[in-house]
C-alpha atoms as a PDB file:
ATOM      1  CA  MET A   1       0.000   0.000   0.000  1.00  0.00           C
ATOM      2  CA  LEU A   2       1.204   3.498  -0.857  1.00  0.00           C
ATOM      3  CA  ASN A   3       2.292   5.494   2.203  1.00  0.00           C
ATOM      4  CA  VAL A   4       0.828   8.935   1.502  1.00  0.00           C
ATOM      5  CA  SER A   5       2.647  10.442   4.471  1.00  0.00           C
ATOM      6  CA  LYS A   6       5.941   9.909   2.643  1.00  0.00           C
ATOM      7  CA  LEU A   7       4.858  11.569  -0.574  1.00  0.00           C
ATOM      8  CA  TYR A   8       6.294  14.979  -1.366  1.00  0.00           C
ATOM      9  CA  LEU A   9       3.649  16.881  -3.277  1.00  0.00           C
ATOM     10  CA  GLN A  10       4.610  19.995  -5.159  1.00  0.00           C
ATOM     11  CA  ARG A  11       1.914  22.608  -4.822  1.00  0.00           C
ATOM     12  CA  MET A  12       1.524  25.976  -6.427  1.00  0.00           C
ATOM     13  CA  PRO A  13       1.652  28.829  -3.895  1.00  0.00           C
ATOM     14  CA  LEU A  14      -1.697  30.278  -2.902  1.00  0.00           C
ATOM     15  CA  GLN A  15      -2.521  33.234  -5.128  1.00  0.00           C
ATOM     16  CA  PHE A  16      -4.086  36.455  -3.851  1.00  0.00           C
ATOM     17  CA  ILE A  17      -5.917  39.490  -5.179  1.00  0.00           C
ATOM     18  CA  ASN A  18      -5.952  42.974  -3.709  1.00  0.00           C
ATOM     19  CA  TYR A  19      -9.529  44.021  -3.016  1.00  0.00           C
ATOM     20  CA  ASN A  20      -9.854  47.580  -1.714  1.00  0.00           C
ATOM     21  CA  GLY A  21      -6.417  47.391  -0.135  1.00  0.00           C
ATOM     22  CA  ASP A  22      -6.807  43.990   1.555  1.00  0.00           C
ATOM     23  CA  LEU A  23      -5.413  40.694   0.273  1.00  0.00           C
ATOM     24  CA  TYR A  24      -7.766  37.769  -0.275  1.00  0.00           C
ATOM     25  CA  PRO A  25      -7.182  34.309  -1.795  1.00  0.00           C
ATOM     26  CA  GLU A  26      -8.162  34.585  -5.440  1.00  0.00           C
ATOM     27  CA  SER A  27     -10.679  31.748  -4.988  1.00  0.00           C
ATOM     28  CA  GLN A  28     -12.471  33.539  -2.138  1.00  0.00           C
ATOM     29  CA  PRO A  29     -15.663  35.396  -3.123  1.00  0.00           C
ATOM     30  CA  VAL A  30     -15.393  39.104  -2.345  1.00  0.00           C
ATOM     31  CA  LEU A  31     -18.190  40.717  -4.393  1.00  0.00           C
ATOM     32  CA  THR A  32     -21.778  40.959  -3.239  1.00  0.00           C
ATOM     33  CA  GLY A  33     -24.810  40.908  -5.475  1.00  0.00           C
ATOM     34  CA  SER A  34     -25.137  44.672  -5.055  1.00  0.00           C
ATOM     35  CA  ASN A  35     -21.722  45.422  -6.563  1.00  0.00           C
ATOM     36  CA  ARG A  36     -22.307  48.064  -9.212  1.00  0.00           C
ATOM     37  CA  ALA A  37     -19.771  46.659 -11.675  1.00  0.00           C
ATOM     38  CA  PHE A  38     -21.696  43.373 -11.551  1.00  0.00           C
ATOM     39  CA  ARG A  39     -25.138  44.970 -11.689  1.00  0.00           C
ATOM     40  CA  TYR A  40     -24.630  47.795 -14.153  1.00  0.00           C
ATOM     41  CA  GLY A  41     -21.134  47.573 -15.606  1.00  0.00           C
ATOM     42  CA  ASP A  42     -20.473  50.691 -13.543  1.00  0.00           C
ATOM     43  CA  GLY A  43     -16.702  50.811 -13.701  1.00  0.00           C
ATOM     44  CA  LEU A  44     -13.621  50.553 -15.866  1.00  0.00           C
ATOM     45  CA  PHE A  45     -10.347  48.681 -15.969  1.00  0.00           C
ATOM     46  CA  GLU A  46      -6.693  48.812 -16.949  1.00  0.00           C
ATOM     47  CA  THR A  47      -4.697  45.852 -18.194  1.00  0.00           C
ATOM     48  CA  MET A  48      -0.980  46.447 -17.727  1.00  0.00           C
ATOM     49  CA  ARG A  49       2.312  44.643 -18.065  1.00  0.00           C
ATOM     50  CA  VAL A  50       5.202  44.413 -15.644  1.00  0.00           C
ATOM     51  CA  ILE A  51       8.556  43.640 -17.276  1.00  0.00           C
ATOM     52  CA  LYS A  52      11.731  43.007 -15.285  1.00  0.00           C
ATOM     53  CA  GLY A  53      10.042  44.337 -12.162  1.00  0.00           C
ATOM     54  CA  GLU A  54       8.858  47.591 -13.745  1.00  0.00           C
ATOM     55  CA  LEU A  55       5.284  48.504 -14.611  1.00  0.00           C
ATOM     56  CA  LYS A  56       5.608  49.661 -18.200  1.00  0.00           C
ATOM     57  CA  PHE A  57       4.069  52.962 -19.329  1.00  0.00           C
ATOM     58  CA  ALA A  58       2.596  53.577 -15.881  1.00  0.00           C
ATOM     59  CA  ASP A  59       2.119  57.299 -16.574  1.00  0.00           C
ATOM     60  CA  PHE A  60       0.045  56.547 -19.677  1.00  0.00           C
ATOM     61  CA  HIS A  61      -2.096  54.012 -17.807  1.00  0.00           C
ATOM     62  CA  ALA A  62      -2.653  56.406 -14.902  1.00  0.00           C
ATOM     63  CA  GLU A  63      -3.614  59.228 -17.248  1.00  0.00           C
ATOM     64  CA  ARG A  64      -6.189  57.093 -19.044  1.00  0.00           C
ATOM     65  CA  LEU A  65      -7.539  55.626 -15.804  1.00  0.00           C
ATOM     66  CA  GLN A  66      -7.970  59.030 -14.194  1.00  0.00           C
ATOM     67  CA  GLY A  67      -9.618  60.391 -17.330  1.00  0.00           C
ATOM     68  CA  GLY A  68     -12.024  57.474 -17.371  1.00  0.00           C
ATOM     69  CA  MET A  69     -12.942  57.944 -13.722  1.00  0.00           C
ATOM     70  CA  GLN A  70     -13.631  61.610 -14.378  1.00  0.00           C
ATOM     71  CA  ALA A  71     -15.814  60.711 -17.364  1.00  0.00           C
ATOM     72  CA  LEU A  72     -17.774  58.267 -15.182  1.00  0.00           C
ATOM     73  CA  LYS A  73     -17.892  60.819 -12.354  1.00  0.00           C
ATOM     74  CA  ILE A  74     -16.212  58.467  -9.887  1.00  0.00           C
ATOM     75  CA  ASP A  75     -14.552  60.333  -7.029  1.00  0.00           C
ATOM     76  CA  GLY A  76     -10.966  59.898  -5.869  1.00  0.00           C
ATOM     77  CA  TYR A  77      -9.315  59.630  -9.264  1.00  0.00           C
ATOM     78  CA  ALA A  78      -6.321  61.698  -8.141  1.00  0.00           C
ATOM     79  CA  GLU A  79      -5.308  58.857  -5.785  1.00  0.00           C
ATOM     80  CA  LEU A  80      -4.829  56.446  -8.671  1.00  0.00           C
ATOM     81  CA  ASP A  81      -1.634  57.906 -10.052  1.00  0.00           C
ATOM     82  CA  ALA A  82       1.390  56.138 -11.550  1.00  0.00           C
ATOM     83  CA  TYR A  83       2.910  55.634  -8.079  1.00  0.00           C
ATOM     84  CA  PHE A  84      -0.236  53.837  -6.865  1.00  0.00           C
ATOM     85  CA  LEU A  85      -0.258  51.557  -9.913  1.00  0.00           C
ATOM     86  CA  LYS A  86       3.421  50.679  -9.544  1.00  0.00           C
ATOM     87  CA  GLU A  87       3.353  50.161  -5.779  1.00  0.00           C
ATOM     88  CA  LYS A  88       0.226  48.015  -5.668  1.00  0.00           C
ATOM     89  CA  SER A  89       1.246  45.921  -8.668  1.00  0.00           C
ATOM     90  CA  ILE A  90       4.702  45.062  -7.356  1.00  0.00           C
ATOM     91  CA  GLU A  91       3.334  44.477  -3.843  1.00  0.00           C
ATOM     92  CA  LEU A  92       0.833  41.925  -5.166  1.00  0.00           C
ATOM     93  CA  MET A  93       3.437  40.226  -7.347  1.00  0.00           C
ATOM     94  CA  ARG A  94       5.700  39.769  -4.335  1.00  0.00           C
ATOM     95  CA  ARG A  95       2.861  38.315  -2.279  1.00  0.00           C
ATOM     96  CA  ASN A  96       2.059  35.880  -5.081  1.00  0.00           C
ATOM     97  CA  GLN A  97       5.733  34.962  -5.495  1.00  0.00           C
ATOM     98  CA  ILE A  98       5.706  36.100  -9.096  1.00  0.00           C
ATOM     99  CA  GLY A  99       9.059  36.954 -10.663  1.00  0.00           C
ATOM    100  CA  GLY A 100       9.688  40.144 -12.556  1.00  0.00           C
ATOM    101  CA  ASN A 101       7.183  39.647 -15.372  1.00  0.00           C
ATOM    102  CA  ALA A 102       3.403  39.727 -15.057  1.00  0.00           C
ATOM    103  CA  ARG A 103       0.094  40.738 -16.533  1.00  0.00           C
ATOM    104  CA  VAL A 104      -1.790  42.985 -14.110  1.00  0.00           C
ATOM    105  CA  ARG A 105      -5.436  43.976 -14.259  1.00  0.00           C
ATOM    106  CA  LEU A 106      -6.963  46.741 -12.137  1.00  0.00           C
ATOM    107  CA  THR A 107     -10.744  47.008 -12.073  1.00  0.00           C
ATOM    108  CA  ILE A 108     -12.297  50.198 -10.687  1.00  0.00           C
ATOM    109  CA  PHE A 109     -15.961  50.329  -9.729  1.00  0.00           C
ATOM    110  CA  ARG A 110     -18.321  52.768  -8.074  1.00  0.00           C
ATOM    111  CA  ASP A 111     -18.473  51.411  -4.543  1.00  0.00           C
ATOM    112  CA  GLY A 112     -21.888  52.241  -3.149  1.00  0.00           C
ATOM    113  CA  ASP A 113     -25.537  51.314  -2.992  1.00  0.00           C
ATOM    114  CA  GLY A 114     -28.366  52.550  -5.165  1.00  0.00           C
ATOM    115  CA  LEU A 115     -30.144  51.503  -8.316  1.00  0.00           C
ATOM    116  CA  TYR A 116     -29.319  53.322 -11.551  1.00  0.00           C
ATOM    117  CA  THR A 117     -28.804  56.420  -9.431  1.00  0.00           C
ATOM    118  CA  PRO A 118     -25.850  55.760  -7.108  1.00  0.00           C
ATOM    119  CA  MET A 119     -25.932  56.796  -3.465  1.00  0.00           C
ATOM    120  CA  SER A 120     -22.174  57.316  -3.448  1.00  0.00           C
ATOM    121  CA  ASN A 121     -19.489  58.027  -6.047  1.00  0.00           C
ATOM    122  CA  LYS A 122     -16.488  56.725  -4.098  1.00  0.00           C
ATOM    123  CA  PHE A 123     -14.340  54.134  -5.835  1.00  0.00           C
ATOM    124  CA  GLY A 124     -13.497  50.551  -5.012  1.00  0.00           C
ATOM    125  CA  TYR A 125     -10.990  48.351  -6.775  1.00  0.00           C
ATOM    126  CA  ALA A 126      -9.771  44.834  -7.412  1.00  0.00           C
ATOM    127  CA  LEU A 127      -6.213  44.120  -8.529  1.00  0.00           C
ATOM    128  CA  GLU A 128      -5.109  40.804 -10.063  1.00  0.00           C
ATOM    129  CA  ALA A 129      -1.683  39.621 -11.238  1.00  0.00           C
ATOM    130  CA  SER A 130      -0.625  36.582 -13.263  1.00  0.00           C
ATOM    131  CA  ALA A 131       2.905  35.535 -14.152  1.00  0.00           C
ATOM    132  CA  LEU A 132       4.389  35.853 -17.635  1.00  0.00           C
ATOM    133  CA  ASP A 133       7.456  33.984 -18.816  1.00  0.00           C
ATOM    134  CA  ASN A 134       8.964  36.306 -21.392  1.00  0.00           C
ATOM    135  CA  PRO A 135      10.486  39.678 -20.441  1.00  0.00           C
ATOM    136  CA  TYR A 136      10.065  41.014 -23.992  1.00  0.00           C
ATOM    137  CA  TYR A 137       7.286  41.700 -26.450  1.00  0.00           C
ATOM    138  CA  GLN A 138       7.276  38.888 -28.998  1.00  0.00           C
ATOM    139  CA  ASN A 139       6.546  38.987 -32.690  1.00  0.00           C
ATOM    140  CA  ASN A 140       3.916  36.340 -33.386  1.00  0.00           C
ATOM    141  CA  ASP A 141       5.509  33.718 -35.643  1.00  0.00           C
ATOM    142  CA  ARG A 142       2.197  32.947 -37.266  1.00  0.00           C
ATOM    143  CA  GLY A 143       0.247  35.981 -38.392  1.00  0.00           C
ATOM    144  CA  LEU A 144      -3.338  36.431 -37.248  1.00  0.00           C
ATOM    145  CA  ILE A 145      -6.311  35.505 -39.408  1.00  0.00           C
ATOM    146  CA  VAL A 146      -9.056  38.121 -39.006  1.00  0.00           C
ATOM    147  CA  ASP A 147     -12.504  39.060 -40.234  1.00  0.00           C
ATOM    148  CA  ILE A 148     -14.928  41.909 -39.604  1.00  0.00           C
ATOM    149  CA  PHE A 149     -17.677  41.573 -37.010  1.00  0.00           C
ATOM    150  CA  ASP A 150     -20.645  43.705 -38.093  1.00  0.00           C
ATOM    151  CA  GLU A 151     -23.609  42.277 -36.200  1.00  0.00           C
ATOM    152  CA  VAL A 152     -23.291  45.036 -33.567  1.00  0.00           C
ATOM    153  CA  THR A 153     -21.454  48.315 -34.112  1.00  0.00           C
ATOM    154  CA  LYS A 154     -19.781  50.516 -31.517  1.00  0.00           C
ATOM    155  CA  PRO A 155     -21.406  53.881 -30.682  1.00  0.00           C
ATOM    156  CA  ILE A 156     -19.295  57.024 -30.682  1.00  0.00           C
ATOM    157  CA  ASN A 157     -19.566  59.107 -27.512  1.00  0.00           C
ATOM    158  CA  ILE A 158     -17.459  60.414 -24.625  1.00  0.00           C
ATOM    159  CA  LEU A 159     -17.119  56.891 -23.207  1.00  0.00           C
ATOM    160  CA  SER A 160     -15.908  55.255 -26.434  1.00  0.00           C
ATOM    161  CA  SER A 161     -12.242  55.855 -25.691  1.00  0.00           C
ATOM    162  CA  GLN A 162     -12.466  54.375 -22.163  1.00  0.00           C
ATOM    163  CA  LYS A 163     -12.086  50.714 -21.141  1.00  0.00           C
ATOM    164  CA  THR A 164     -15.377  50.439 -19.283  1.00  0.00           C
ATOM    165  CA  CYS A 165     -16.827  47.337 -17.668  1.00  0.00           C
ATOM    166  CA  ASN A 166     -19.603  47.381 -20.258  1.00  0.00           C
ATOM    167  CA  SER A 167     -17.916  45.037 -22.744  1.00  0.00           C
ATOM    168  CA  LEU A 168     -20.792  43.226 -24.443  1.00  0.00           C
ATOM    169  CA  ILE A 169     -19.764  44.206 -27.962  1.00  0.00           C
ATOM    170  CA  TYR A 170     -16.326  42.658 -27.364  1.00  0.00           C
ATOM    171  CA  VAL A 171     -17.905  39.517 -25.903  1.00  0.00           C
ATOM    172  CA  LEU A 172     -20.107  39.097 -28.982  1.00  0.00           C
ATOM    173  CA  ALA A 173     -17.163  39.793 -31.283  1.00  0.00           C
ATOM    174  CA  GLY A 174     -15.184  37.182 -29.353  1.00  0.00           C
ATOM    175  CA  ILE A 175     -17.960  34.621 -29.873  1.00  0.00           C
ATOM    176  CA  PHE A 176     -17.988  35.483 -33.592  1.00  0.00           C
ATOM    177  CA  LYS A 177     -14.216  34.961 -33.653  1.00  0.00           C
ATOM    178  CA  THR A 178     -14.469  31.538 -32.021  1.00  0.00           C
ATOM    179  CA  GLN A 179     -17.375  30.364 -34.158  1.00  0.00           C
ATOM    180  CA  ASN A 180     -15.507  31.267 -37.347  1.00  0.00           C
ATOM    181  CA  GLY A 181     -12.111  29.892 -36.353  1.00  0.00           C
ATOM    182  CA  LEU A 182     -10.448  33.321 -36.348  1.00  0.00           C
ATOM    183  CA  ASP A 183      -7.588  34.747 -34.324  1.00  0.00           C
ATOM    184  CA  GLU A 184      -9.130  38.213 -34.099  1.00  0.00           C
ATOM    185  CA  ALA A 185     -12.277  40.109 -35.073  1.00  0.00           C
ATOM    186  CA  PHE A 186     -12.417  43.743 -36.152  1.00  0.00           C
ATOM    187  CA  ILE A 187     -15.242  45.966 -34.912  1.00  0.00           C
ATOM    188  CA  LEU A 188     -16.926  48.762 -36.846  1.00  0.00           C
ATOM    189  CA  ASN A 189     -18.273  52.014 -35.407  1.00  0.00           C
ATOM    190  CA  GLN A 190     -21.853  53.215 -35.762  1.00  0.00           C
ATOM    191  CA  ASN A 191     -21.045  54.754 -39.155  1.00  0.00           C
ATOM    192  CA  GLY A 192     -19.586  51.539 -40.550  1.00  0.00           C
ATOM    193  CA  PHE A 193     -15.929  52.579 -40.393  1.00  0.00           C
ATOM    194  CA  LEU A 194     -13.070  50.581 -38.924  1.00  0.00           C
ATOM    195  CA  CYS A 195     -12.887  51.074 -35.148  1.00  0.00           C
ATOM    196  CA  GLU A 196     -10.777  48.464 -33.308  1.00  0.00           C
ATOM    197  CA  ALA A 197     -10.346  44.751 -32.575  1.00  0.00           C
ATOM    198  CA  THR A 198     -11.806  42.760 -29.684  1.00  0.00           C
ATOM    199  CA  SER A 199      -8.930  43.627 -27.357  1.00  0.00           C
ATOM    200  CA  ALA A 200      -6.612  45.808 -29.406  1.00  0.00           C
ATOM    201  CA  ASN A 201      -6.217  48.874 -31.581  1.00  0.00           C
ATOM    202  CA  VAL A 202      -5.779  48.523 -35.330  1.00  0.00           C
ATOM    203  CA  PHE A 203      -3.059  49.865 -37.639  1.00  0.00           C
ATOM    204  CA  VAL A 204      -3.085  49.629 -41.428  1.00  0.00           C
ATOM    205  CA  VAL A 205      -0.239  50.207 -43.887  1.00  0.00           C
ATOM    206  CA  TYR A 206      -1.507  51.453 -47.245  1.00  0.00           C
ATOM    207  CA  GLU A 207       0.771  52.813 -49.975  1.00  0.00           C
ATOM    208  CA  LYS A 208       3.631  52.899 -47.428  1.00  0.00           C
ATOM    209  CA  GLN A 209       1.577  55.178 -45.144  1.00  0.00           C
ATOM    210  CA  LEU A 210       0.596  54.056 -41.643  1.00  0.00           C
ATOM    211  CA  TYR A 211      -3.009  54.683 -40.626  1.00  0.00           C
ATOM    212  CA  THR A 212      -4.973  54.086 -37.439  1.00  0.00           C
ATOM    213  CA  PRO A 213      -8.590  54.965 -36.592  1.00  0.00           C
ATOM    214  CA  ALA A 214      -8.811  58.370 -34.904  1.00  0.00           C
ATOM    215  CA  LEU A 215     -10.225  58.560 -31.382  1.00  0.00           C
ATOM    216  CA  SER A 216     -13.153  60.433 -32.913  1.00  0.00           C
ATOM    217  CA  GLU A 217     -14.023  57.134 -34.635  1.00  0.00           C
ATOM    218  CA  GLY A 218     -14.872  55.556 -31.266  1.00  0.00           C
ATOM    219  CA  CYS A 219     -11.825  53.395 -30.587  1.00  0.00           C
ATOM    220  CA  VAL A 220     -10.315  52.884 -27.144  1.00  0.00           C
ATOM    221  CA  ALA A 221      -7.425  55.243 -26.394  1.00  0.00           C
ATOM    222  CA  GLY A 222      -4.997  52.339 -26.115  1.00  0.00           C
ATOM    223  CA  VAL A 223      -1.768  52.780 -24.197  1.00  0.00           C
ATOM    224  CA  MET A 224       0.176  50.677 -26.719  1.00  0.00           C
ATOM    225  CA  ARG A 225      -1.529  52.596 -29.523  1.00  0.00           C
ATOM    226  CA  ARG A 226      -0.032  55.737 -28.035  1.00  0.00           C
ATOM    227  CA  VAL A 227       3.395  54.128 -27.635  1.00  0.00           C
ATOM    228  CA  VAL A 228       3.409  52.870 -31.232  1.00  0.00           C
ATOM    229  CA  MET A 229       2.359  56.282 -32.545  1.00  0.00           C
ATOM    230  CA  ASN A 230       5.281  57.818 -30.647  1.00  0.00           C
ATOM    231  CA  LEU A 231       7.663  55.199 -32.053  1.00  0.00           C
ATOM    232  CA  ALA A 232       6.422  55.873 -35.580  1.00  0.00           C
ATOM    233  CA  GLU A 233       7.049  59.590 -35.164  1.00  0.00           C
ATOM    234  CA  GLU A 234      10.517  59.045 -33.676  1.00  0.00           C
ATOM    235  CA  ASN A 235      11.484  56.787 -36.595  1.00  0.00           C
ATOM    236  CA  ASN A 236      10.044  58.984 -39.358  1.00  0.00           C
ATOM    237  CA  ILE A 237       7.234  56.607 -40.279  1.00  0.00           C
ATOM    238  CA  PRO A 238       4.369  58.710 -41.688  1.00  0.00           C
ATOM    239  CA  LEU A 239       1.244  58.123 -39.607  1.00  0.00           C
ATOM    240  CA  ILE A 240      -2.280  59.493 -39.960  1.00  0.00           C
ATOM    241  CA  GLU A 241      -5.199  59.154 -37.549  1.00  0.00           C
ATOM    242  CA  ALA A 242      -8.141  58.813 -39.881  1.00  0.00           C
ATOM    243  CA  GLN A 243     -11.621  57.619 -40.697  1.00  0.00           C
ATOM    244  CA  ILE A 244     -10.921  54.257 -42.320  1.00  0.00           C
ATOM    245  CA  ASN A 245     -13.249  52.430 -44.671  1.00  0.00           C
ATOM    246  CA  PRO A 246     -13.039  48.681 -43.987  1.00  0.00           C
ATOM    247  CA  ALA A 247     -12.650  48.136 -47.743  1.00  0.00           C
ATOM    248  CA  ILE A 248      -9.005  49.179 -47.266  1.00  0.00           C
ATOM    249  CA  MET A 249      -8.431  45.688 -45.846  1.00  0.00           C
ATOM    250  CA  ASN A 250      -8.543  44.384 -49.428  1.00  0.00           C
ATOM    251  CA  GLU A 251      -5.834  46.806 -50.589  1.00  0.00           C
ATOM    252  CA  ALA A 252      -3.511  47.249 -47.590  1.00  0.00           C
ATOM    253  CA  GLU A 253       0.081  46.041 -47.606  1.00  0.00           C
ATOM    254  CA  GLU A 254       0.150  45.364 -43.898  1.00  0.00           C
ATOM    255  CA  VAL A 255      -2.199  45.218 -40.893  1.00  0.00           C
ATOM    256  CA  PHE A 256      -1.337  44.823 -37.217  1.00  0.00           C
ATOM    257  CA  VAL A 257      -2.999  45.214 -33.816  1.00  0.00           C
ATOM    258  CA  THR A 258      -1.669  46.538 -30.519  1.00  0.00           C
ATOM    259  CA  ASN A 259      -2.394  46.269 -26.812  1.00  0.00           C
ATOM    260  CA  ALA A 260      -0.502  46.785 -23.558  1.00  0.00           C
ATOM    261  CA  THR A 261       0.152  43.119 -22.766  1.00  0.00           C
ATOM    262  CA  SER A 262       0.920  41.596 -26.175  1.00  0.00           C
ATOM    263  CA  GLY A 263       2.551  44.664 -27.709  1.00  0.00           C
ATOM    264  CA  ILE A 264       2.263  44.355 -31.499  1.00  0.00           C
ATOM    265  CA  GLN A 265       0.711  41.401 -33.334  1.00  0.00           C
ATOM    266  CA  TRP A 266       0.810  41.225 -37.133  1.00  0.00           C
ATOM    267  CA  VAL A 267      -2.125  40.118 -39.237  1.00  0.00           C
ATOM    268  CA  MET A 268      -1.437  37.553 -41.950  1.00  0.00           C
ATOM    269  CA  GLY A 269      -4.792  37.290 -43.624  1.00  0.00           C
ATOM    270  CA  TYR A 270      -8.263  38.709 -44.139  1.00  0.00           C
ATOM    271  CA  ASP A 271     -10.584  36.766 -46.441  1.00  0.00           C
ATOM    272  CA  LYS A 272      -8.337  35.947 -49.431  1.00  0.00           C
ATOM    273  CA  LYS A 273      -5.952  38.835 -48.802  1.00  0.00           C
ATOM    274  CA  ARG A 274      -2.468  38.189 -47.366  1.00  0.00           C
ATOM    275  CA  TYR A 275      -0.199  40.780 -45.758  1.00  0.00           C
ATOM    276  CA  PHE A 276       3.478  41.504 -45.104  1.00  0.00           C
ATOM    277  CA  ASN A 277       4.869  42.295 -41.643  1.00  0.00           C
ATOM    278  CA  GLU A 278       7.833  44.592 -42.265  1.00  0.00           C
ATOM    279  CA  ILE A 279       6.737  47.669 -40.313  1.00  0.00           C
ATOM    280  CA  SER A 280       5.260  45.683 -37.433  1.00  0.00           C
ATOM    281  CA  ARG A 281       8.485  43.704 -37.082  1.00  0.00           C
ATOM    282  CA  PHE A 282      10.522  46.927 -37.125  1.00  0.00           C
ATOM    283  CA  LEU A 283       8.295  48.526 -34.486  1.00  0.00           C
ATOM    284  CA  ILE A 284       8.523  45.481 -32.196  1.00  0.00           C
ATOM    285  CA  GLU A 285      12.303  45.791 -32.275  1.00  0.00           C
ATOM    286  CA  LYS A 286      12.031  49.464 -31.312  1.00  0.00           C
ATOM    287  CA  LEU A 287       9.492  48.621 -28.615  1.00  0.00           C
ATOM    288  CA  ASN A 288      11.766  46.038 -27.031  1.00  0.00           C
ATOM    289  CA  PHE A 289      14.642  48.513 -27.142  1.00  0.00           C
ATOM    290  CA  LEU A 290      12.644  50.664 -24.687  1.00  0.00           C
ATOM    291  CA  ILE A 291      12.776  47.951 -22.020  1.00  0.00           C
ATOM    292  CA  LYS A 292      16.456  46.973 -22.225  1.00  0.00           C
END
């Protein structure tokens, strides 16, 4: 008979989340049924990346987060500055025994009672961290296969550029992606123009000119979008924020998507069209140079 007392079982360390400043096991329920993010999508979030022990582009994330809280009229936004994001992220990584590389998600919600009309505008938060292996942004060896999701379009308003907890259009686009065997789905705005992908901003190279949908087209003001635009300017790559007809997908030389955790991912195909990845590969090299 096997003597269990002599077995040495390797167990993963217990993982925690930071909920309103207190640490809880990630498997422990902390939300009540009255939580406004659960009930009404009354909140927003930031997905960030820590590389070699440093929260990358913390100032950009803090600026967008604070702007989103102001747009949602959630009080206390000044507290959530770059220092807060860095300190809380690294603190949680240490508690979870994560090395220097992680994906971090901060969810902010209006923490109070009430129905549609809140009784309080103070904020609450939940911070999660998961380990990543690679300390660099990687060029995807196999390009993405994409298509356009047009069953639901994204409205253009003052909330369009924010990463709010109301994400149904992205959920439906994600289902469309899975059902059609795609790697990514592109979303259109209310006027039928190219807006963004399910979890990324979109860039298109056409006649050696780099284009991306303008914020006025309803796309999220992505942190990596901003970084890539800066890199393009620094390296003399012509870039235009524009209103983009999705028909350009049939003529473009190159298409790629960006977000804060994956960096830059190149698109290989749309329908029968196939693309190059010269500019995306060049920009990934420049992006990784920033973290050396």
